[in-house]
Amino acid sequence: MAKIVVIGGTGLIGSKVVAKLTEHGHEAVAASPNTGVNAVTGEGLTEVVEGASTVVDVSNSPSFAPDDVLEFFTTSTRNLIDAERIAGVTHHVALTIVGTDRPQSIPYFAAKVAQEELIRESGIPYSLVHATQFFEFVGSIADISTKDDRVLLPGALIQPIAAEDVATAVARAAAGAPTGDVEIAGPEAFGMDEFARRALSFRGDSRTVVRDDSAAYYGAQIEERTLIPLDGAQIFGTTLAEWLPLNPPRR
């Protein structure tokens, strides 16, 4: 079976991708700063991708500051592409976001757009897996949107997905032939405020969630349908009601 290197392979999604690929008989290698591989500095990249047919990038920037996140994704992607060319890698898989192909002003999205452009222009066959927001981030979304004891969020639609389902989609892409762009999402669409309201209520959180369509999402205004997939997306089955009991908030 194939040698598949997973950049960010010790993180939330990466560790699940490595486990799924290994279970199906592939030689899946977890590559991250924890294992001596740093895509930003280039440390260990040439060595780890040697002999690999596929490289999966599910790494993420440690800082969401606009300049930092842009630097992270462009520098790491250039370094990966250079190492892949030397090694003769024939498939580059990257996890990205639903909505990067639509007008928006979110700095993080702009950084992902830059990453996608580098991958498309590299000449290496690729699969870009565009995911909607993860269920796992509902707590952090609520936290950054809290003023006093109120959570202010817009009613823009969101169709969140479980990290486990994201990992399944990425692993399938890595084990298959390059497919270009694909969108994945969970089964339910509801307002971002309702997403947070349901989760906080289930968890017994005393904060009040208030719909405020002027409220920012990670520092930017978003349109009603920016964050939901287009027709033809792959829809995974895990619902918020199924996910919540199995995922208590971190303490």
C-alpha atoms as a PDB file:
ATOM      1  CA  MET A   1       0.000   0.000   0.000  1.00  0.00           C
ATOM      2  CA  ALA A   2       0.977   3.641  -0.348  1.00  0.00           C
ATOM      3  CA  LYS A   3       3.196   5.734   1.888  1.00  0.00           C
ATOM      4  CA  ILE A   4       1.114   8.775   2.825  1.00  0.00           C
ATOM      5  CA  VAL A   5       2.619  11.625   4.842  1.00  0.00           C
ATOM      6  CA  VAL A   6       0.174  13.637   6.946  1.00  0.00           C
ATOM      7  CA  ILE A   7       1.407  17.146   7.754  1.00  0.00           C
ATOM      8  CA  GLY A   8      -0.270  18.155  11.001  1.00  0.00           C
ATOM      9  CA  GLY A   9      -0.634  14.451  11.702  1.00  0.00           C
ATOM     10  CA  THR A  10      -0.718  14.763  15.492  1.00  0.00           C
ATOM     11  CA  GLY A  11      -3.576  17.301  15.629  1.00  0.00           C
ATOM     12  CA  LEU A  12      -7.354  17.027  15.884  1.00  0.00           C
ATOM     13  CA  ILE A  13      -7.948  15.999  12.269  1.00  0.00           C
ATOM     14  CA  GLY A  14      -4.486  14.682  11.421  1.00  0.00           C
ATOM     15  CA  SER A  15      -4.371  12.060  14.149  1.00  0.00           C
ATOM     16  CA  LYS A  16      -7.739  10.705  12.997  1.00  0.00           C
ATOM     17  CA  VAL A  17      -6.593  10.666   9.354  1.00  0.00           C
ATOM     18  CA  VAL A  18      -3.443   8.729  10.265  1.00  0.00           C
ATOM     19  CA  ALA A  19      -5.488   6.200  12.232  1.00  0.00           C
ATOM     20  CA  LYS A  20      -7.979   5.680   9.395  1.00  0.00           C
ATOM     21  CA  LEU A  21      -5.277   5.269   6.737  1.00  0.00           C
ATOM     22  CA  THR A  22      -3.299   2.870   8.928  1.00  0.00           C
ATOM     23  CA  GLU A  23      -6.431   0.817   9.581  1.00  0.00           C
ATOM     24  CA  HIS A  24      -6.799   0.371   5.827  1.00  0.00           C
ATOM     25  CA  GLY A  25      -3.240  -0.839   5.380  1.00  0.00           C
ATOM     26  CA  HIS A  26      -1.434   2.294   4.256  1.00  0.00           C
ATOM     27  CA  GLU A  27       1.898   3.450   5.630  1.00  0.00           C
ATOM     28  CA  ALA A  28       0.630   6.655   7.192  1.00  0.00           C
ATOM     29  CA  VAL A  29       3.301   8.902   8.663  1.00  0.00           C
ATOM     30  CA  ALA A  30       2.328  11.609  11.171  1.00  0.00           C
ATOM     31  CA  ALA A  31       4.499  14.675  10.508  1.00  0.00           C
ATOM     32  CA  SER A  32       4.441  17.712  12.779  1.00  0.00           C
ATOM     33  CA  PRO A  33       6.832  19.763  14.912  1.00  0.00           C
ATOM     34  CA  ASN A  34       6.226  17.141  17.612  1.00  0.00           C
ATOM     35  CA  THR A  35       7.788  14.514  15.350  1.00  0.00           C
ATOM     36  CA  GLY A  36      10.624  16.736  14.105  1.00  0.00           C
ATOM     37  CA  VAL A  37       8.947  17.981  10.922  1.00  0.00           C
ATOM     38  CA  ASN A  38       8.219  21.685  10.509  1.00  0.00           C
ATOM     39  CA  ALA A  39       6.655  22.763   7.237  1.00  0.00           C
ATOM     40  CA  VAL A  40       7.205  26.463   7.967  1.00  0.00           C
ATOM     41  CA  THR A  41      10.961  26.190   8.559  1.00  0.00           C
ATOM     42  CA  GLY A  42      11.378  23.205   6.247  1.00  0.00           C
ATOM     43  CA  GLU A  43      12.945  21.103   8.980  1.00  0.00           C
ATOM     44  CA  GLY A  44      12.642  17.386   8.205  1.00  0.00           C
ATOM     45  CA  LEU A  45      10.424  17.817   5.135  1.00  0.00           C
ATOM     46  CA  THR A  46      12.739  16.333   2.512  1.00  0.00           C
ATOM     47  CA  GLU A  47      13.399  13.272   4.635  1.00  0.00           C
ATOM     48  CA  VAL A  48       9.791  12.562   5.608  1.00  0.00           C
ATOM     49  CA  VAL A  49       8.325  12.821   2.090  1.00  0.00           C
ATOM     50  CA  GLU A  50      10.973  10.593   0.515  1.00  0.00           C
ATOM     51  CA  GLY A  51       9.221   7.584  -0.991  1.00  0.00           C
ATOM     52  CA  ALA A  52       5.739   9.024  -0.432  1.00  0.00           C
ATOM     53  CA  SER A  53       3.133   8.945  -3.173  1.00  0.00           C
ATOM     54  CA  THR A  54       0.753  11.302  -1.374  1.00  0.00           C
ATOM     55  CA  VAL A  55       1.138  14.212   1.038  1.00  0.00           C
ATOM     56  CA  VAL A  56      -1.830  15.358   3.106  1.00  0.00           C
ATOM     57  CA  ASP A  57      -1.756  18.832   4.668  1.00  0.00           C
ATOM     58  CA  VAL A  58      -4.142  19.344   7.579  1.00  0.00           C
ATOM     59  CA  SER A  59      -1.839  21.698   9.488  1.00  0.00           C
ATOM     60  CA  ASN A  60      -3.117  24.961  10.921  1.00  0.00           C
ATOM     61  CA  SER A  61      -1.630  28.287  11.911  1.00  0.00           C
ATOM     62  CA  PRO A  62      -0.987  28.769  15.645  1.00  0.00           C
ATOM     63  CA  SER A  63      -1.982  32.436  15.237  1.00  0.00           C
ATOM     64  CA  PHE A  64      -5.065  33.812  13.473  1.00  0.00           C
ATOM     65  CA  ALA A  65      -3.620  37.323  13.162  1.00  0.00           C
ATOM     66  CA  PRO A  66      -3.975  38.259   9.461  1.00  0.00           C
ATOM     67  CA  ASP A  67      -0.258  38.560   8.685  1.00  0.00           C
ATOM     68  CA  ASP A  68       0.647  35.477  10.709  1.00  0.00           C
ATOM     69  CA  VAL A  69      -1.916  33.180   9.159  1.00  0.00           C
ATOM     70  CA  LEU A  70      -1.055  34.310   5.618  1.00  0.00           C
ATOM     71  CA  GLU A  71       2.648  33.758   6.282  1.00  0.00           C
ATOM     72  CA  PHE A  72       1.991  30.327   7.760  1.00  0.00           C
ATOM     73  CA  PHE A  73      -0.046  28.935   4.870  1.00  0.00           C
ATOM     74  CA  THR A  74       2.007  30.419   2.042  1.00  0.00           C
ATOM     75  CA  THR A  75       5.406  29.548   3.488  1.00  0.00           C
ATOM     76  CA  SER A  76       4.479  26.029   4.577  1.00  0.00           C
ATOM     77  CA  THR A  77       2.770  25.259   1.278  1.00  0.00           C
ATOM     78  CA  ARG A  78       5.721  26.479  -0.799  1.00  0.00           C
ATOM     79  CA  ASN A  79       8.070  24.348   1.286  1.00  0.00           C
ATOM     80  CA  LEU A  80       5.825  21.314   0.931  1.00  0.00           C
ATOM     81  CA  ILE A  81       5.548  21.703  -2.822  1.00  0.00           C
ATOM     82  CA  ASP A  82       9.324  22.016  -3.168  1.00  0.00           C
ATOM     83  CA  ALA A  83       9.877  18.861  -1.124  1.00  0.00           C
ATOM     84  CA  GLU A  84       7.176  16.985  -3.050  1.00  0.00           C
ATOM     85  CA  ARG A  85       8.770  17.821  -6.393  1.00  0.00           C
ATOM     86  CA  ILE A  86      12.111  16.439  -5.206  1.00  0.00           C
ATOM     87  CA  ALA A  87      10.454  13.261  -3.915  1.00  0.00           C
ATOM     88  CA  GLY A  88       8.214  12.744  -6.942  1.00  0.00           C
ATOM     89  CA  VAL A  89       4.964  12.972  -4.960  1.00  0.00           C
ATOM     90  CA  THR A  90       1.977  12.483  -7.262  1.00  0.00           C
ATOM     91  CA  HIS A  91      -0.932  13.626  -5.077  1.00  0.00           C
ATOM     92  CA  HIS A  92      -1.224  16.648  -2.774  1.00  0.00           C
ATOM     93  CA  VAL A  93      -4.277  16.681  -0.487  1.00  0.00           C
ATOM     94  CA  ALA A  94      -5.153  19.756   1.572  1.00  0.00           C
ATOM     95  CA  LEU A  95      -7.965  20.491   3.982  1.00  0.00           C
ATOM     96  CA  THR A  96      -9.486  23.898   3.366  1.00  0.00           C
ATOM     97  CA  ILE A  97     -12.786  25.727   3.923  1.00  0.00           C
ATOM     98  CA  VAL A  98     -16.177  26.029   2.279  1.00  0.00           C
ATOM     99  CA  GLY A  99     -16.593  29.621   1.107  1.00  0.00           C
ATOM    100  CA  THR A 100     -13.113  30.449  -0.159  1.00  0.00           C
ATOM    101  CA  ASP A 101     -14.539  30.734  -3.674  1.00  0.00           C
ATOM    102  CA  ARG A 102     -17.023  33.451  -2.653  1.00  0.00           C
ATOM    103  CA  PRO A 103     -16.655  37.149  -1.842  1.00  0.00           C
ATOM    104  CA  GLN A 104     -15.823  37.653   1.843  1.00  0.00           C
ATOM    105  CA  SER A 105     -13.408  39.667   3.971  1.00  0.00           C
ATOM    106  CA  ILE A 106     -12.285  37.091   6.546  1.00  0.00           C
ATOM    107  CA  PRO A 107      -8.454  37.229   6.842  1.00  0.00           C
ATOM    108  CA  TYR A 108      -8.205  33.501   7.576  1.00  0.00           C
ATOM    109  CA  PHE A 109     -10.134  32.723   4.398  1.00  0.00           C
ATOM    110  CA  ALA A 110      -7.819  34.987   2.412  1.00  0.00           C
ATOM    111  CA  ALA A 111      -4.850  32.973   3.672  1.00  0.00           C
ATOM    112  CA  LYS A 112      -6.539  29.723   2.629  1.00  0.00           C
ATOM    113  CA  VAL A 113      -7.242  31.194  -0.814  1.00  0.00           C
ATOM    114  CA  ALA A 114      -3.528  31.948  -1.168  1.00  0.00           C
ATOM    115  CA  GLN A 115      -2.706  28.379  -0.127  1.00  0.00           C
ATOM    116  CA  GLU A 116      -5.160  26.942  -2.647  1.00  0.00           C
ATOM    117  CA  GLU A 117      -3.693  29.048  -5.463  1.00  0.00           C
ATOM    118  CA  LEU A 118      -0.192  27.755  -4.742  1.00  0.00           C
ATOM    119  CA  ILE A 119      -1.446  24.165  -4.828  1.00  0.00           C
ATOM    120  CA  ARG A 120      -3.363  24.639  -8.084  1.00  0.00           C
ATOM    121  CA  GLU A 121      -0.365  26.281  -9.750  1.00  0.00           C
ATOM    122  CA  SER A 122       2.159  23.703  -8.506  1.00  0.00           C
ATOM    123  CA  GLY A 123       1.625  21.214 -11.319  1.00  0.00           C
ATOM    124  CA  ILE A 124       1.210  18.400  -8.765  1.00  0.00           C
ATOM    125  CA  PRO A 125      -2.164  16.620  -9.019  1.00  0.00           C
ATOM    126  CA  TYR A 126      -4.282  17.655  -6.033  1.00  0.00           C
ATOM    127  CA  SER A 127      -7.439  17.208  -4.011  1.00  0.00           C
ATOM    128  CA  LEU A 128      -8.765  20.171  -2.027  1.00  0.00           C
ATOM    129  CA  VAL A 129     -11.292  19.133   0.617  1.00  0.00           C
ATOM    130  CA  HIS A 130     -13.435  22.160   1.489  1.00  0.00           C
ATOM    131  CA  ALA A 131     -15.108  21.596   4.873  1.00  0.00           C
ATOM    132  CA  THR A 132     -17.726  23.587   6.708  1.00  0.00           C
ATOM    133  CA  GLN A 133     -17.116  24.685  10.310  1.00  0.00           C
ATOM    134  CA  PHE A 134     -16.473  21.852  12.774  1.00  0.00           C
ATOM    135  CA  PHE A 135     -18.815  21.064  15.664  1.00  0.00           C
ATOM    136  CA  GLU A 136     -15.678  21.016  17.795  1.00  0.00           C
ATOM    137  CA  PHE A 137     -15.230  24.783  17.448  1.00  0.00           C
ATOM    138  CA  VAL A 138     -18.624  25.836  18.821  1.00  0.00           C
ATOM    139  CA  GLY A 139     -17.110  26.644  22.217  1.00  0.00           C
ATOM    140  CA  SER A 140     -14.393  28.887  20.814  1.00  0.00           C
ATOM    141  CA  ILE A 141     -16.883  30.621  18.507  1.00  0.00           C
ATOM    142  CA  ALA A 142     -19.065  31.397  21.521  1.00  0.00           C
ATOM    143  CA  ASP A 143     -16.098  32.548  23.593  1.00  0.00           C
ATOM    144  CA  ILE A 144     -14.779  35.063  21.060  1.00  0.00           C
ATOM    145  CA  SER A 145     -18.326  36.384  20.567  1.00  0.00           C
ATOM    146  CA  THR A 146     -19.096  36.929  24.264  1.00  0.00           C
ATOM    147  CA  LYS A 147     -19.651  40.361  25.796  1.00  0.00           C
ATOM    148  CA  ASP A 148     -20.445  40.233  29.486  1.00  0.00           C
ATOM    149  CA  ASP A 149     -22.797  37.226  29.678  1.00  0.00           C
ATOM    150  CA  ARG A 150     -24.202  37.546  26.151  1.00  0.00           C
ATOM    151  CA  VAL A 151     -22.990  35.738  23.034  1.00  0.00           C
ATOM    152  CA  LEU A 152     -23.541  37.971  20.000  1.00  0.00           C
ATOM    153  CA  LEU A 153     -23.637  36.078  16.714  1.00  0.00           C
ATOM    154  CA  PRO A 154     -25.155  36.704  13.279  1.00  0.00           C
ATOM    155  CA  GLY A 155     -27.945  34.572  11.865  1.00  0.00           C
ATOM    156  CA  ALA A 156     -25.861  33.684   8.805  1.00  0.00           C
ATOM    157  CA  LEU A 157     -26.339  30.050   7.904  1.00  0.00           C
ATOM    158  CA  ILE A 158     -23.869  27.391   8.991  1.00  0.00           C
ATOM    159  CA  GLN A 159     -23.849  23.653   8.197  1.00  0.00           C
ATOM    160  CA  PRO A 160     -21.312  22.249  10.664  1.00  0.00           C
ATOM    161  CA  ILE A 161     -19.625  18.871  10.463  1.00  0.00           C
ATOM    162  CA  ALA A 162     -18.020  16.513  12.971  1.00  0.00           C
ATOM    163  CA  ALA A 163     -14.210  16.284  12.974  1.00  0.00           C
ATOM    164  CA  GLU A 164     -14.524  12.506  12.660  1.00  0.00           C
ATOM    165  CA  ASP A 165     -16.418  12.941   9.390  1.00  0.00           C
ATOM    166  CA  VAL A 166     -13.875  15.474   8.133  1.00  0.00           C
ATOM    167  CA  ALA A 167     -11.096  12.966   8.804  1.00  0.00           C
ATOM    168  CA  THR A 168     -13.021  10.288   6.915  1.00  0.00           C
ATOM    169  CA  ALA A 169     -13.344  12.563   3.882  1.00  0.00           C
ATOM    170  CA  VAL A 170      -9.666  13.532   3.959  1.00  0.00           C
ATOM    171  CA  ALA A 171      -8.529   9.909   4.353  1.00  0.00           C
ATOM    172  CA  ARG A 172     -10.704   8.845   1.424  1.00  0.00           C
ATOM    173  CA  ALA A 173      -9.222  11.621  -0.699  1.00  0.00           C
ATOM    174  CA  ALA A 174      -5.695  10.609   0.281  1.00  0.00           C
ATOM    175  CA  ALA A 175      -6.276   6.944  -0.554  1.00  0.00           C
ATOM    176  CA  GLY A 176      -7.840   7.731  -3.918  1.00  0.00           C
ATOM    177  CA  ALA A 177      -6.923   9.523  -7.121  1.00  0.00           C
ATOM    178  CA  PRO A 178      -6.715  13.329  -7.281  1.00  0.00           C
ATOM    179  CA  THR A 179     -10.179  14.854  -7.620  1.00  0.00           C
ATOM    180  CA  GLY A 180      -9.601  18.612  -7.588  1.00  0.00           C
ATOM    181  CA  ASP A 181     -12.074  20.494  -5.398  1.00  0.00           C
ATOM    182  CA  VAL A 182     -14.753  18.828  -3.269  1.00  0.00           C
ATOM    183  CA  GLU A 183     -17.023  20.277  -0.583  1.00  0.00           C
ATOM    184  CA  ILE A 184     -18.106  18.400   2.551  1.00  0.00           C
ATOM    185  CA  ALA A 185     -20.660  19.354   5.198  1.00  0.00           C
ATOM    186  CA  GLY A 186     -22.865  18.079   7.973  1.00  0.00           C
ATOM    187  CA  PRO A 187     -26.559  17.271   7.451  1.00  0.00           C
ATOM    188  CA  GLU A 188     -28.159  20.362   9.051  1.00  0.00           C
ATOM    189  CA  ALA A 189     -28.093  24.051   8.226  1.00  0.00           C
ATOM    190  CA  PHE A 190     -29.113  26.615  10.835  1.00  0.00           C
ATOM    191  CA  GLY A 191     -28.196  30.132  11.880  1.00  0.00           C
ATOM    192  CA  MET A 192     -24.851  30.586  13.567  1.00  0.00           C
ATOM    193  CA  ASP A 193     -26.620  31.979  16.605  1.00  0.00           C
ATOM    194  CA  GLU A 194     -28.833  28.884  16.762  1.00  0.00           C
ATOM    195  CA  PHE A 195     -25.770  26.623  16.472  1.00  0.00           C
ATOM    196  CA  ALA A 196     -24.253  28.233  19.560  1.00  0.00           C
ATOM    197  CA  ARG A 197     -27.593  28.433  21.377  1.00  0.00           C
ATOM    198  CA  ARG A 198     -28.264  24.711  21.033  1.00  0.00           C
ATOM    199  CA  ALA A 199     -24.779  23.732  22.130  1.00  0.00           C
ATOM    200  CA  LEU A 200     -24.598  26.078  25.126  1.00  0.00           C
ATOM    201  CA  SER A 201     -28.075  25.107  26.273  1.00  0.00           C
ATOM    202  CA  PHE A 202     -27.245  21.403  26.127  1.00  0.00           C
ATOM    203  CA  ARG A 203     -24.070  22.016  28.103  1.00  0.00           C
ATOM    204  CA  GLY A 204     -25.823  24.042  30.782  1.00  0.00           C
ATOM    205  CA  ASP A 205     -23.949  27.217  29.901  1.00  0.00           C
ATOM    206  CA  SER A 206     -25.663  30.239  31.481  1.00  0.00           C
ATOM    207  CA  ARG A 207     -24.734  32.703  28.742  1.00  0.00           C
ATOM    208  CA  THR A 208     -27.537  34.085  26.573  1.00  0.00           C
ATOM    209  CA  VAL A 209     -27.089  33.816  22.823  1.00  0.00           C
ATOM    210  CA  VAL A 210     -28.405  36.870  20.959  1.00  0.00           C
ATOM    211  CA  ARG A 211     -28.816  37.107  17.224  1.00  0.00           C
ATOM    212  CA  ASP A 212     -27.044  40.218  15.975  1.00  0.00           C
ATOM    213  CA  ASP A 213     -26.574  40.342  12.224  1.00  0.00           C
ATOM    214  CA  SER A 214     -24.046  43.171  12.630  1.00  0.00           C
ATOM    215  CA  ALA A 215     -21.830  40.975  14.831  1.00  0.00           C
ATOM    216  CA  ALA A 216     -18.514  39.916  13.340  1.00  0.00           C
ATOM    217  CA  TYR A 217     -17.394  36.358  12.667  1.00  0.00           C
ATOM    218  CA  TYR A 218     -13.654  36.133  13.354  1.00  0.00           C
ATOM    219  CA  GLY A 219     -13.405  39.867  12.785  1.00  0.00           C
ATOM    220  CA  ALA A 220     -15.410  40.125   9.569  1.00  0.00           C
ATOM    221  CA  GLN A 221     -18.971  40.534   8.357  1.00  0.00           C
ATOM    222  CA  ILE A 222     -20.379  37.519   6.524  1.00  0.00           C
ATOM    223  CA  GLU A 223     -23.269  37.035   4.142  1.00  0.00           C
ATOM    224  CA  GLU A 224     -26.129  34.633   4.834  1.00  0.00           C
ATOM    225  CA  ARG A 225     -24.792  31.795   2.653  1.00  0.00           C
ATOM    226  CA  THR A 226     -21.020  32.304   2.771  1.00  0.00           C
ATOM    227  CA  LEU A 227     -20.395  29.339   5.079  1.00  0.00           C
ATOM    228  CA  ILE A 228     -22.679  26.676   3.604  1.00  0.00           C
ATOM    229  CA  PRO A 229     -21.877  24.350   0.705  1.00  0.00           C
ATOM    230  CA  LEU A 230     -23.099  24.546  -2.850  1.00  0.00           C
ATOM    231  CA  ASP A 231     -25.161  21.866  -4.568  1.00  0.00           C
ATOM    232  CA  GLY A 232     -23.199  18.658  -5.068  1.00  0.00           C
ATOM    233  CA  ALA A 233     -21.374  18.675  -1.726  1.00  0.00           C
ATOM    234  CA  GLN A 234     -20.736  15.404   0.091  1.00  0.00           C
ATOM    235  CA  ILE A 235     -23.063  15.362   3.100  1.00  0.00           C
ATOM    236  CA  PHE A 236     -22.074  13.378   6.207  1.00  0.00           C
ATOM    237  CA  GLY A 237     -24.652  12.095   8.655  1.00  0.00           C
ATOM    238  CA  THR A 238     -23.569  13.131  12.154  1.00  0.00           C
ATOM    239  CA  THR A 239     -26.066  15.625  13.622  1.00  0.00           C
ATOM    240  CA  LEU A 240     -25.447  18.153  16.367  1.00  0.00           C
ATOM    241  CA  ALA A 241     -27.832  16.252  18.657  1.00  0.00           C
ATOM    242  CA  GLU A 242     -25.811  13.073  18.146  1.00  0.00           C
ATOM    243  CA  TRP A 243     -22.466  14.810  18.571  1.00  0.00           C
ATOM    244  CA  LEU A 244     -23.139  16.827  21.726  1.00  0.00           C
ATOM    245  CA  PRO A 245     -23.542  13.989  24.265  1.00  0.00           C
ATOM    246  CA  LEU A 246     -20.273  12.442  23.122  1.00  0.00           C
ATOM    247  CA  ASN A 247     -18.290  15.692  23.266  1.00  0.00           C
ATOM    248  CA  PRO A 248     -18.488  17.540  26.589  1.00  0.00           C
ATOM    249  CA  PRO A 249     -16.715  20.903  26.750  1.00  0.00           C
ATOM    250  CA  ARG A 250     -13.032  20.878  27.627  1.00  0.00           C
ATOM    251  CA  ARG A 251     -12.244  22.010  31.157  1.00  0.00           C
END
